[in-house]
C-alpha atoms as a PDB file:
ATOM      1  CA  MET A   1       0.000   0.000   0.000  1.00  0.00           C
ATOM      2  CA  SER A   2       1.464   3.341  -0.995  1.00  0.00           C
ATOM      3  CA  VAL A   3       1.102   6.495   1.073  1.00  0.00           C
ATOM      4  CA  ALA A   4      -1.463   7.657  -1.474  1.00  0.00           C
ATOM      5  CA  GLY A   5      -3.646   4.626  -0.607  1.00  0.00           C
ATOM      6  CA  VAL A   6      -3.783   5.407   3.115  1.00  0.00           C
ATOM      7  CA  ARG A   7      -7.289   6.445   4.077  1.00  0.00           C
ATOM      8  CA  SER A   8      -7.319   5.867   7.806  1.00  0.00           C
ATOM      9  CA  LEU A   9      -5.334   5.329  10.963  1.00  0.00           C
ATOM     10  CA  GLY A  10      -6.836   3.120  13.626  1.00  0.00           C
ATOM     11  CA  MET A  11      -6.254   2.348  17.249  1.00  0.00           C
ATOM     12  CA  VAL A  12      -7.690  -0.657  19.071  1.00  0.00           C
ATOM     13  CA  GLU A  13      -7.650  -0.971  22.822  1.00  0.00           C
ATOM     14  CA  ALA A  14      -7.870  -4.649  23.729  1.00  0.00           C
ATOM     15  CA  GLU A  15      -8.519  -6.040  27.183  1.00  0.00           C
ATOM     16  CA  ARG A  16      -8.497  -9.614  28.396  1.00  0.00           C
ATOM     17  CA  GLN A  17      -8.862 -11.208  31.783  1.00  0.00           C
ATOM     18  CA  ILE A  18      -6.915 -14.302  32.736  1.00  0.00           C
ATOM     19  CA  GLY A  19      -7.783 -15.463  36.214  1.00  0.00           C
ATOM     20  CA  GLY A  20      -7.691 -12.357  38.370  1.00  0.00           C
ATOM     21  CA  THR A  21      -5.292 -10.457  36.127  1.00  0.00           C
ATOM     22  CA  VAL A  22      -6.506  -7.942  33.544  1.00  0.00           C
ATOM     23  CA  GLU A  23      -4.176  -7.257  30.608  1.00  0.00           C
ATOM     24  CA  ARG A  24      -4.600  -4.240  28.340  1.00  0.00           C
ATOM     25  CA  GLU A  25      -2.972  -3.708  24.973  1.00  0.00           C
ATOM     26  CA  VAL A  26      -3.130  -0.920  22.407  1.00  0.00           C
ATOM     27  CA  ARG A  27      -2.610  -1.741  18.721  1.00  0.00           C
ATOM     28  CA  TYR A  28      -2.323   0.752  15.871  1.00  0.00           C
ATOM     29  CA  TYR A  29      -3.269   0.191  12.234  1.00  0.00           C
ATOM     30  CA  ILE A  30      -2.650   2.008   8.958  1.00  0.00           C
ATOM     31  CA  SER A  31      -5.371   1.186   6.477  1.00  0.00           C
ATOM     32  CA  SER A  32      -6.972   1.855   3.109  1.00  0.00           C
ATOM     33  CA  LEU A  33     -10.421   1.350   4.679  1.00  0.00           C
ATOM     34  CA  ALA A  34     -12.628   4.421   4.997  1.00  0.00           C
ATOM     35  CA  SER A  35     -15.016   3.775   7.884  1.00  0.00           C
ATOM     36  CA  VAL A  36     -14.743   2.748  11.505  1.00  0.00           C
ATOM     37  CA  GLY A  37     -17.098  -0.178  10.855  1.00  0.00           C
ATOM     38  CA  GLU A  38     -14.936  -1.546   8.025  1.00  0.00           C
ATOM     39  CA  MET A  39     -11.824  -1.209  10.164  1.00  0.00           C
ATOM     40  CA  ALA A  40     -13.484  -2.960  13.128  1.00  0.00           C
ATOM     41  CA  ARG A  41     -14.643  -5.874  10.928  1.00  0.00           C
ATOM     42  CA  ALA A  42     -11.167  -6.223   9.401  1.00  0.00           C
ATOM     43  CA  VAL A  43      -9.419  -6.230  12.793  1.00  0.00           C
ATOM     44  CA  ARG A  44     -11.891  -8.701  14.319  1.00  0.00           C
ATOM     45  CA  GLY A  45     -11.654 -10.906  11.248  1.00  0.00           C
ATOM     46  CA  HIS A  46      -7.856 -10.938  11.383  1.00  0.00           C
ATOM     47  CA  TRP A  47      -7.717 -11.847  15.063  1.00  0.00           C
ATOM     48  CA  GLY A  48     -10.487 -14.421  14.639  1.00  0.00           C
ATOM     49  CA  LEU A  49      -8.425 -16.189  11.979  1.00  0.00           C
ATOM     50  CA  GLU A  50      -5.239 -15.835  14.004  1.00  0.00           C
ATOM     51  CA  ASN A  51      -6.829 -17.241  17.158  1.00  0.00           C
ATOM     52  CA  GLY A  52      -8.463 -20.079  15.210  1.00  0.00           C
ATOM     53  CA  LEU A  53      -5.156 -21.049  13.609  1.00  0.00           C
ATOM     54  CA  HIS A  54      -3.380 -20.968  16.964  1.00  0.00           C
ATOM     55  CA  TRP A  55      -6.060 -23.171  18.528  1.00  0.00           C
ATOM     56  CA  VAL A  56      -5.792 -25.743  15.717  1.00  0.00           C
ATOM     57  CA  LEU A  57      -1.998 -25.807  15.931  1.00  0.00           C
ATOM     58  CA  ASP A  58      -2.123 -26.199  19.697  1.00  0.00           C
ATOM     59  CA  MET A  59      -4.763 -28.950  19.679  1.00  0.00           C
ATOM     60  CA  SER A  60      -3.309 -30.897  16.735  1.00  0.00           C
ATOM     61  CA  PHE A  61       0.415 -30.353  17.287  1.00  0.00           C
ATOM     62  CA  ARG A  62       0.590 -29.248  20.948  1.00  0.00           C
ATOM     63  CA  GLU A  63       2.408 -26.142  19.780  1.00  0.00           C
ATOM     64  CA  ASP A  64       2.235 -24.449  23.195  1.00  0.00           C
ATOM     65  CA  TYR A  65       4.465 -27.193  24.599  1.00  0.00           C
ATOM     66  CA  ASN A  66       7.141 -26.672  21.961  1.00  0.00           C
ATOM     67  CA  ARG A  67      10.477 -25.866  23.605  1.00  0.00           C
ATOM     68  CA  ASN A  68      12.660 -25.210  20.555  1.00  0.00           C
ATOM     69  CA  ARG A  69      14.778 -22.202  21.485  1.00  0.00           C
ATOM     70  CA  LYS A  70      18.147 -22.475  19.766  1.00  0.00           C
ATOM     71  CA  ASP A  71      18.911 -20.215  16.819  1.00  0.00           C
ATOM     72  CA  ARG A  72      16.016 -20.350  14.340  1.00  0.00           C
ATOM     73  CA  SER A  73      14.638 -23.745  15.344  1.00  0.00           C
ATOM     74  CA  ALA A  74      11.344 -22.329  16.701  1.00  0.00           C
ATOM     75  CA  GLU A  75      10.646 -20.496  13.427  1.00  0.00           C
ATOM     76  CA  ASN A  76      11.698 -23.486  11.316  1.00  0.00           C
ATOM     77  CA  PHE A  77       9.456 -25.896  13.216  1.00  0.00           C
ATOM     78  CA  ALA A  78       6.547 -23.421  13.033  1.00  0.00           C
ATOM     79  CA  VAL A  79       6.891 -23.414   9.234  1.00  0.00           C
ATOM     80  CA  LEU A  80       6.975 -27.223   9.186  1.00  0.00           C
ATOM     81  CA  ARG A  81       3.849 -27.400  11.376  1.00  0.00           C
ATOM     82  CA  HIS A  82       2.026 -25.008   9.007  1.00  0.00           C
ATOM     83  CA  ILE A  83       3.015 -27.129   5.994  1.00  0.00           C
ATOM     84  CA  ALA A  84       1.866 -30.299   7.780  1.00  0.00           C
ATOM     85  CA  LEU A  85      -1.408 -28.622   8.782  1.00  0.00           C
ATOM     86  CA  ASN A  86      -2.115 -27.574   5.194  1.00  0.00           C
ATOM     87  CA  LEU A  87      -1.314 -31.057   3.853  1.00  0.00           C
ATOM     88  CA  LEU A  88      -3.529 -32.722   6.454  1.00  0.00           C
ATOM     89  CA  LYS A  89      -6.411 -30.341   5.679  1.00  0.00           C
ATOM     90  CA  GLN A  90      -6.149 -31.212   1.966  1.00  0.00           C
ATOM     91  CA  GLU A  91      -6.340 -34.959   2.626  1.00  0.00           C
ATOM     92  CA  ARG A  92     -10.043 -35.875   2.567  1.00  0.00           C
ATOM     93  CA  SER A  93     -10.135 -39.667   2.179  1.00  0.00           C
ATOM     94  CA  THR A  94     -10.882 -40.127   5.892  1.00  0.00           C
ATOM     95  CA  LYS A  95     -13.128 -38.282   8.316  1.00  0.00           C
ATOM     96  CA  LEU A  96     -10.586 -38.217  11.135  1.00  0.00           C
ATOM     97  CA  SER A  97      -9.755 -35.037  13.024  1.00  0.00           C
ATOM     98  CA  LEU A  98      -6.513 -33.250  12.160  1.00  0.00           C
ATOM     99  CA  LYS A  99      -4.899 -34.794  15.219  1.00  0.00           C
ATOM    100  CA  GLY A 100      -6.198 -38.223  14.162  1.00  0.00           C
ATOM    101  CA  LYS A 101      -4.849 -37.754  10.637  1.00  0.00           C
ATOM    102  CA  ARG A 102      -1.465 -36.743  12.054  1.00  0.00           C
ATOM    103  CA  LEU A 103      -1.344 -39.824  14.239  1.00  0.00           C
ATOM    104  CA  LYS A 104      -2.509 -42.104  11.417  1.00  0.00           C
ATOM    105  CA  ALA A 105       0.230 -40.686   9.157  1.00  0.00           C
ATOM    106  CA  GLY A 106       2.741 -41.644  11.870  1.00  0.00           C
ATOM    107  CA  TRP A 107       1.430 -45.212  12.052  1.00  0.00           C
ATOM    108  CA  ASP A 108       0.559 -45.944   8.422  1.00  0.00           C
ATOM    109  CA  GLU A 109       3.241 -45.326   5.796  1.00  0.00           C
ATOM    110  CA  ALA A 110       0.773 -45.667   2.892  1.00  0.00           C
ATOM    111  CA  TYR A 111      -1.437 -42.986   4.454  1.00  0.00           C
ATOM    112  CA  LEU A 112       1.615 -40.774   5.054  1.00  0.00           C
ATOM    113  CA  GLN A 113       2.489 -41.017   1.351  1.00  0.00           C
ATOM    114  CA  LYS A 114      -1.103 -40.131   0.460  1.00  0.00           C
ATOM    115  CA  VAL A 115      -0.884 -37.012   2.656  1.00  0.00           C
ATOM    116  CA  LEU A 116       2.539 -35.944   1.371  1.00  0.00           C
ATOM    117  CA  LEU A 117       1.744 -36.526  -2.291  1.00  0.00           C
ATOM    118  CA  ALA A 118      -1.768 -35.044  -1.982  1.00  0.00           C
ATOM    119  CA  ILE A 119      -3.289 -37.952  -3.940  1.00  0.00           C
END
């Protein structure tokens, strides 16, 4: 987006409560959207997708328990998990959950090939 395409600046104040602790965060956005309503829908939509993806990665791959810390290993494994997630979502020959498909691919080499080759 060029400077000429900028139509709005936005600020979102987010608040969440975890147990007895309240956390507040301010996020700023530069946008080509014209109205407050459009901006609000875009921000909510983005975070809805982001939270949904995180939940799937955590439930299917237990991403929150990942302890890769050295050099770029955390980023590299995150990329691999995203690739695996996309491959598992494309595989539709079974009605298993994503976690079930992942486990089946670990147990059944023929199924693993099906997932990897997207056939």
